[in-house]
Amino acid sequence: LCDANQEVDSLPLSDATILIVGPKALAAGA
């Protein structure tokens, strides 16, 4: 679980194979 206010480049993407994103993170455009 990550904070919805985090920037993409601060997410631990290298540790995961799936990224699930809710509406708040998509507010700027999917």
PDB file of all heavy atoms in Angstrom:
ATOM      1  N   LEU A   1       0.834  -1.199   0.000  1.00  0.00           N
ATOM      2  CA  LEU A   1       0.000   0.000   0.000  1.00  0.00           C
ATOM      3  C   LEU A   1       0.870   1.250   0.000  1.00  0.00           C
ATOM      4  O   LEU A   1       1.797   1.367   0.791  1.00  0.00           O
ATOM      5  CB  LEU A   1      -0.935  -0.001   1.206  1.00  0.00           C
ATOM      6  CG  LEU A   1      -1.870  -1.201   1.321  1.00  0.00           C
ATOM      7  CD1 LEU A   1      -2.699  -1.102   2.597  1.00  0.00           C
ATOM      8  CD2 LEU A   1      -2.766  -1.318   0.113  1.00  0.00           C
ATOM      9  N   CYS A   2       0.554   2.172  -0.896  1.00  0.00           N
ATOM     10  CA  CYS A   2       1.307   3.429  -1.008  1.00  0.00           C
ATOM     11  C   CYS A   2       0.352   4.609  -0.914  1.00  0.00           C
ATOM     12  O   CYS A   2      -0.826   4.502  -1.240  1.00  0.00           O
ATOM     13  CB  CYS A   2       2.065   3.470  -2.336  1.00  0.00           C
ATOM     14  SG  CYS A   2       3.370   2.246  -2.453  1.00  0.00           S
ATOM     15  N   ASP A   3       0.879   5.734  -0.516  1.00  0.00           N
ATOM     16  CA  ASP A   3       0.120   6.968  -0.389  1.00  0.00           C
ATOM     17  C   ASP A   3      -0.325   7.434  -1.771  1.00  0.00           C
ATOM     18  O   ASP A   3       0.484   7.509  -2.706  1.00  0.00           O
ATOM     19  CB  ASP A   3       1.001   8.027   0.273  1.00  0.00           C
ATOM     20  CG  ASP A   3       0.291   9.324   0.552  1.00  0.00           C
ATOM     21  OD1 ASP A   3      -0.846   9.523   0.087  1.00  0.00           O
ATOM     22  OD2 ASP A   3       0.884  10.165   1.248  1.00  0.00           O
ATOM     23  N   ALA A   4      -1.601   7.782  -1.891  1.00  0.00           N
ATOM     24  CA  ALA A   4      -2.150   8.238  -3.167  1.00  0.00           C
ATOM     25  C   ALA A   4      -1.551   9.564  -3.622  1.00  0.00           C
ATOM     26  O   ALA A   4      -1.676   9.940  -4.785  1.00  0.00           O
ATOM     27  CB  ALA A   4      -3.671   8.356  -3.076  1.00  0.00           C
ATOM     28  N   ASN A   5      -0.882  10.278  -2.730  1.00  0.00           N
ATOM     29  CA  ASN A   5      -0.273  11.560  -3.078  1.00  0.00           C
ATOM     30  C   ASN A   5       1.170  11.421  -3.548  1.00  0.00           C
ATOM     31  O   ASN A   5       1.791  12.415  -3.909  1.00  0.00           O
ATOM     32  CB  ASN A   5      -0.343  12.514  -1.888  1.00  0.00           C
ATOM     33  CG  ASN A   5      -1.771  12.861  -1.538  1.00  0.00           C
ATOM     34  OD1 ASN A   5      -2.567  13.180  -2.411  1.00  0.00           O
ATOM     35  ND2 ASN A   5      -2.117  12.759  -0.268  1.00  0.00           N
ATOM     36  N   GLN A   6       1.712  10.206  -3.532  1.00  0.00           N
ATOM     37  CA  GLN A   6       3.097   9.995  -3.972  1.00  0.00           C
ATOM     38  C   GLN A   6       3.234  10.232  -5.464  1.00  0.00           C
ATOM     39  O   GLN A   6       2.334   9.937  -6.242  1.00  0.00           O
ATOM     40  CB  GLN A   6       3.535   8.551  -3.688  1.00  0.00           C
ATOM     41  CG  GLN A   6       4.008   8.313  -2.293  1.00  0.00           C
ATOM     42  CD  GLN A   6       4.546   6.913  -2.129  1.00  0.00           C
ATOM     43  OE1 GLN A   6       3.834   6.064  -1.643  1.00  0.00           O
ATOM     44  NE2 GLN A   6       5.778   6.682  -2.523  1.00  0.00           N
ATOM     45  N   GLU A   7       4.379  10.741  -5.833  1.00  0.00           N
ATOM     46  CA  GLU A   7       4.701  10.886  -7.253  1.00  0.00           C
ATOM     47  C   GLU A   7       5.082   9.516  -7.808  1.00  0.00           C
ATOM     48  O   GLU A   7       5.579   8.660  -7.080  1.00  0.00           O
ATOM     49  CB  GLU A   7       5.869  11.860  -7.421  1.00  0.00           C
ATOM     50  CG  GLU A   7       5.552  13.276  -6.996  1.00  0.00           C
ATOM     51  CD  GLU A   7       4.513  13.938  -7.880  1.00  0.00           C
ATOM     52  OE1 GLU A   7       4.516  13.700  -9.097  1.00  0.00           O
ATOM     53  OE2 GLU A   7       3.686  14.692  -7.332  1.00  0.00           O
ATOM     54  N   VAL A   8       4.879   9.333  -9.089  1.00  0.00           N
ATOM     55  CA  VAL A   8       5.174   8.052  -9.731  1.00  0.00           C
ATOM     56  C   VAL A   8       6.615   7.631  -9.497  1.00  0.00           C
ATOM     57  O   VAL A   8       6.897   6.470  -9.180  1.00  0.00           O
ATOM     58  CB  VAL A   8       4.877   8.107 -11.250  1.00  0.00           C
ATOM     59  CG1 VAL A   8       5.389   6.868 -11.949  1.00  0.00           C
ATOM     60  CG2 VAL A   8       3.390   8.279 -11.487  1.00  0.00           C
ATOM     61  N   ASP A   9       7.545   8.564  -9.617  1.00  0.00           N
ATOM     62  CA  ASP A   9       8.962   8.200  -9.494  1.00  0.00           C
ATOM     63  C   ASP A   9       9.368   7.810  -8.069  1.00  0.00           C
ATOM     64  O   ASP A   9      10.458   7.296  -7.848  1.00  0.00           O
ATOM     65  CB  ASP A   9       9.876   9.292 -10.035  1.00  0.00           C
ATOM     66  CG  ASP A   9       9.696  10.629  -9.337  1.00  0.00           C
ATOM     67  OD1 ASP A   9       8.808  10.756  -8.474  1.00  0.00           O
ATOM     68  OD2 ASP A   9      10.448  11.557  -9.666  1.00  0.00           O
ATOM     69  N   SER A  10       8.476   8.030  -7.087  1.00  0.00           N
ATOM     70  CA  SER A  10       8.795   7.613  -5.720  1.00  0.00           C
ATOM     71  C   SER A  10       8.139   6.280  -5.346  1.00  0.00           C
ATOM     72  O   SER A  10       8.350   5.774  -4.246  1.00  0.00           O
ATOM     73  CB  SER A  10       8.386   8.697  -4.717  1.00  0.00           C
ATOM     74  OG  SER A  10       6.978   8.811  -4.674  1.00  0.00           O
ATOM     75  N   LEU A  11       7.370   5.697  -6.246  1.00  0.00           N
ATOM     76  CA  LEU A  11       6.754   4.391  -5.986  1.00  0.00           C
ATOM     77  C   LEU A  11       7.806   3.293  -6.153  1.00  0.00           C
ATOM     78  O   LEU A  11       8.671   3.387  -7.022  1.00  0.00           O
ATOM     79  CB  LEU A  11       5.594   4.140  -6.953  1.00  0.00           C
ATOM     80  CG  LEU A  11       4.398   5.072  -6.836  1.00  0.00           C
ATOM     81  CD1 LEU A  11       3.427   4.836  -7.984  1.00  0.00           C
ATOM     82  CD2 LEU A  11       3.707   4.892  -5.495  1.00  0.00           C
ATOM     83  N   PRO A  12       7.718   2.234  -5.354  1.00  0.00           N
ATOM     84  CA  PRO A  12       8.705   1.142  -5.446  1.00  0.00           C
ATOM     85  C   PRO A  12       8.414   0.201  -6.624  1.00  0.00           C
ATOM     86  O   PRO A  12       8.180  -0.991  -6.447  1.00  0.00           O
ATOM     87  CB  PRO A  12       8.551   0.441  -4.090  1.00  0.00           C
ATOM     88  CG  PRO A  12       7.126   0.678  -3.704  1.00  0.00           C
ATOM     89  CD  PRO A  12       6.787   2.037  -4.241  1.00  0.00           C
ATOM     90  N   LEU A  13       8.416   0.743  -7.830  1.00  0.00           N
ATOM     91  CA  LEU A  13       8.045  -0.027  -9.021  1.00  0.00           C
ATOM     92  C   LEU A  13       8.959  -1.221  -9.261  1.00  0.00           C
ATOM     93  O   LEU A  13       8.492  -2.262  -9.736  1.00  0.00           O
ATOM     94  CB  LEU A  13       8.040   0.879 -10.256  1.00  0.00           C
ATOM     95  CG  LEU A  13       6.969   1.968 -10.271  1.00  0.00           C
ATOM     96  CD1 LEU A  13       7.177   2.892 -11.463  1.00  0.00           C
ATOM     97  CD2 LEU A  13       5.579   1.369 -10.280  1.00  0.00           C
ATOM     98  N   SER A  14      10.220  -1.109  -8.924  1.00  0.00           N
ATOM     99  CA  SER A  14      11.154  -2.206  -9.192  1.00  0.00           C
ATOM    100  C   SER A  14      10.839  -3.447  -8.366  1.00  0.00           C
ATOM    101  O   SER A  14      11.275  -4.547  -8.711  1.00  0.00           O
ATOM    102  CB  SER A  14      12.593  -1.767  -8.944  1.00  0.00           C
ATOM    103  OG  SER A  14      12.762  -1.427  -7.580  1.00  0.00           O
ATOM    104  N   ASP A  15      10.064  -3.284  -7.308  1.00  0.00           N
ATOM    105  CA  ASP A  15       9.719  -4.407  -6.440  1.00  0.00           C
ATOM    106  C   ASP A  15       8.424  -5.101  -6.842  1.00  0.00           C
ATOM    107  O   ASP A  15       8.040  -6.072  -6.210  1.00  0.00           O
ATOM    108  CB  ASP A  15       9.561  -3.927  -4.994  1.00  0.00           C
ATOM    109  CG  ASP A  15      10.848  -3.388  -4.415  1.00  0.00           C
ATOM    110  OD1 ASP A  15      11.925  -3.728  -4.942  1.00  0.00           O
ATOM    111  OD2 ASP A  15      10.781  -2.617  -3.449  1.00  0.00           O
ATOM    112  N   ALA A  16       7.708  -4.590  -7.837  1.00  0.00           N
ATOM    113  CA  ALA A  16       6.369  -5.091  -8.127  1.00  0.00           C
ATOM    114  C   ALA A  16       6.178  -5.444  -9.597  1.00  0.00           C
ATOM    115  O   ALA A  16       6.899  -4.959 -10.468  1.00  0.00           O
ATOM    116  CB  ALA A  16       5.340  -4.047  -7.720  1.00  0.00           C
ATOM    117  N   THR A  17       5.176  -6.283  -9.829  1.00  0.00           N
ATOM    118  CA  THR A  17       4.796  -6.650 -11.199  1.00  0.00           C
ATOM    119  C   THR A  17       3.435  -6.085 -11.564  1.00  0.00           C
ATOM    120  O   THR A  17       3.024  -6.149 -12.713  1.00  0.00           O
ATOM    121  CB  THR A  17       4.751  -8.179 -11.365  1.00  0.00           C
ATOM    122  OG1 THR A  17       3.844  -8.721 -10.402  1.00  0.00           O
ATOM    123  CG2 THR A  17       6.128  -8.793 -11.185  1.00  0.00           C
ATOM    124  N   ILE A  18       2.741  -5.529 -10.564  1.00  0.00           N
ATOM    125  CA  ILE A  18       1.399  -4.978 -10.764  1.00  0.00           C
ATOM    126  C   ILE A  18       1.323  -3.621 -10.073  1.00  0.00           C
ATOM    127  O   ILE A  18       1.831  -3.449  -8.970  1.00  0.00           O
ATOM    128  CB  ILE A  18       0.321  -5.918 -10.170  1.00  0.00           C
ATOM    129  CG1 ILE A  18       0.413  -7.310 -10.791  1.00  0.00           C
ATOM    130  CG2 ILE A  18      -1.086  -5.342 -10.343  1.00  0.00           C
ATOM    131  CD1 ILE A  18      -0.338  -8.380 -10.024  1.00  0.00           C
ATOM    132  N   LEU A  19       0.641  -2.673 -10.728  1.00  0.00           N
ATOM    133  CA  LEU A  19       0.393  -1.348 -10.158  1.00  0.00           C
ATOM    134  C   LEU A  19      -1.099  -1.090 -10.264  1.00  0.00           C
ATOM    135  O   LEU A  19      -1.650  -1.083 -11.361  1.00  0.00           O
ATOM    136  CB  LEU A  19       1.180  -0.279 -10.911  1.00  0.00           C
ATOM    137  CG  LEU A  19       0.911   1.180 -10.547  1.00  0.00           C
ATOM    138  CD1 LEU A  19       1.217   1.448  -9.077  1.00  0.00           C
ATOM    139  CD2 LEU A  19       1.718   2.114 -11.448  1.00  0.00           C
ATOM    140  N   ILE A  20      -1.755  -0.919  -9.116  1.00  0.00           N
ATOM    141  CA  ILE A  20      -3.191  -0.647  -9.083  1.00  0.00           C
ATOM    142  C   ILE A  20      -3.382   0.793  -8.639  1.00  0.00           C
ATOM    143  O   ILE A  20      -2.884   1.196  -7.582  1.00  0.00           O
ATOM    144  CB  ILE A  20      -3.917  -1.609  -8.117  1.00  0.00           C
ATOM    145  CG1 ILE A  20      -3.672  -3.060  -8.564  1.00  0.00           C
ATOM    146  CG2 ILE A  20      -5.404  -1.287  -8.064  1.00  0.00           C
ATOM    147  CD1 ILE A  20      -4.174  -4.094  -7.594  1.00  0.00           C
ATOM    148  N   VAL A  21      -4.106   1.560  -9.445  1.00  0.00           N
ATOM    149  CA  VAL A  21      -4.211   2.991  -9.215  1.00  0.00           C
ATOM    150  C   VAL A  21      -5.671   3.405  -9.149  1.00  0.00           C
ATOM    151  O   VAL A  21      -6.462   3.085 -10.042  1.00  0.00           O
ATOM    152  CB  VAL A  21      -3.514   3.766 -10.356  1.00  0.00           C
ATOM    153  CG1 VAL A  21      -3.524   5.245 -10.073  1.00  0.00           C
ATOM    154  CG2 VAL A  21      -2.101   3.270 -10.544  1.00  0.00           C
ATOM    155  N   GLY A  22      -6.011   4.137  -8.088  1.00  0.00           N
ATOM    156  CA  GLY A  22      -7.369   4.625  -7.897  1.00  0.00           C
ATOM    157  C   GLY A  22      -7.595   5.979  -8.534  1.00  0.00           C
ATOM    158  O   GLY A  22      -6.669   6.604  -9.068  1.00  0.00           O
ATOM    159  N   PRO A  23      -8.833   6.448  -8.462  1.00  0.00           N
ATOM    160  CA  PRO A  23      -9.226   7.696  -9.129  1.00  0.00           C
ATOM    161  C   PRO A  23      -8.414   8.927  -8.730  1.00  0.00           C
ATOM    162  O   PRO A  23      -8.124   9.777  -9.564  1.00  0.00           O
ATOM    163  CB  PRO A  23     -10.693   7.868  -8.727  1.00  0.00           C
ATOM    164  CG  PRO A  23     -11.161   6.507  -8.371  1.00  0.00           C
ATOM    165  CD  PRO A  23      -9.957   5.795  -7.816  1.00  0.00           C
ATOM    166  N   LYS A  24      -8.009   9.054  -7.461  1.00  0.00           N
ATOM    167  CA  LYS A  24      -7.273  10.252  -7.031  1.00  0.00           C
ATOM    168  C   LYS A  24      -5.950  10.388  -7.776  1.00  0.00           C
ATOM    169  O   LYS A  24      -5.591  11.464  -8.228  1.00  0.00           O
ATOM    170  CB  LYS A  24      -7.007  10.215  -5.528  1.00  0.00           C
ATOM    171  CG  LYS A  24      -6.044  11.306  -5.073  1.00  0.00           C
ATOM    172  CD  LYS A  24      -6.535  12.059  -3.911  1.00  0.00           C
ATOM    173  CE  LYS A  24      -5.582  13.052  -3.328  1.00  0.00           C
ATOM    174  NZ  LYS A  24      -4.971  14.011  -4.168  1.00  0.00           N
ATOM    175  N   ALA A  25      -5.244   9.293  -7.921  1.00  0.00           N
ATOM    176  CA  ALA A  25      -3.958   9.339  -8.626  1.00  0.00           C
ATOM    177  C   ALA A  25      -4.146   9.611 -10.113  1.00  0.00           C
ATOM    178  O   ALA A  25      -3.221  10.063 -10.785  1.00  0.00           O
ATOM    179  CB  ALA A  25      -3.199   8.031  -8.420  1.00  0.00           C
ATOM    180  N   LEU A  26      -5.340   9.341 -10.611  1.00  0.00           N
ATOM    181  CA  LEU A  26      -5.607   9.554 -12.041  1.00  0.00           C
ATOM    182  C   LEU A  26      -6.226  10.915 -12.327  1.00  0.00           C
ATOM    183  O   LEU A  26      -6.553  11.215 -13.465  1.00  0.00           O
ATOM    184  CB  LEU A  26      -6.555   8.459 -12.555  1.00  0.00           C
ATOM    185  CG  LEU A  26      -6.040   7.033 -12.444  1.00  0.00           C
ATOM    186  CD1 LEU A  26      -7.121   6.053 -12.870  1.00  0.00           C
ATOM    187  CD2 LEU A  26      -4.786   6.853 -13.263  1.00  0.00           C
ATOM    188  N   ALA A  27      -6.372  11.751 -11.297  1.00  0.00           N
ATOM    189  CA  ALA A  27      -7.049  13.034 -11.447  1.00  0.00           C
ATOM    190  C   ALA A  27      -6.422  13.906 -12.537  1.00  0.00           C
ATOM    191  O   ALA A  27      -7.113  14.627 -13.245  1.00  0.00           O
ATOM    192  CB  ALA A  27      -7.076  13.776 -10.122  1.00  0.00           C
ATOM    193  N   ALA A  28      -5.119  13.841 -12.686  1.00  0.00           N
ATOM    194  CA  ALA A  28      -4.436  14.660 -13.693  1.00  0.00           C
ATOM    195  C   ALA A  28      -4.580  14.084 -15.096  1.00  0.00           C
ATOM    196  O   ALA A  28      -4.233  14.738 -16.070  1.00  0.00           O
ATOM    197  CB  ALA A  28      -2.965  14.802 -13.342  1.00  0.00           C
ATOM    198  N   GLY A  29      -5.069  12.866 -15.196  1.00  0.00           N
ATOM    199  CA  GLY A  29      -5.261  12.231 -16.501  1.00  0.00           C
ATOM    200  C   GLY A  29      -4.650  10.845 -16.544  1.00  0.00           C
ATOM    201  O   GLY A  29      -3.465  10.677 -16.223  1.00  0.00           O
ATOM    202  N   ALA A  30      -5.462   9.887 -16.907  1.00  0.00           N
ATOM    203  CA  ALA A  30      -5.012   8.491 -16.933  1.00  0.00           C
ATOM    204  C   ALA A  30      -3.926   8.254 -17.972  1.00  0.00           C
ATOM    205  O   ALA A  30      -2.959   7.535 -17.714  1.00  0.00           O
ATOM    206  CB  ALA A  30      -6.196   7.564 -17.180  1.00  0.00           C
TER     207      ALA A  30
END
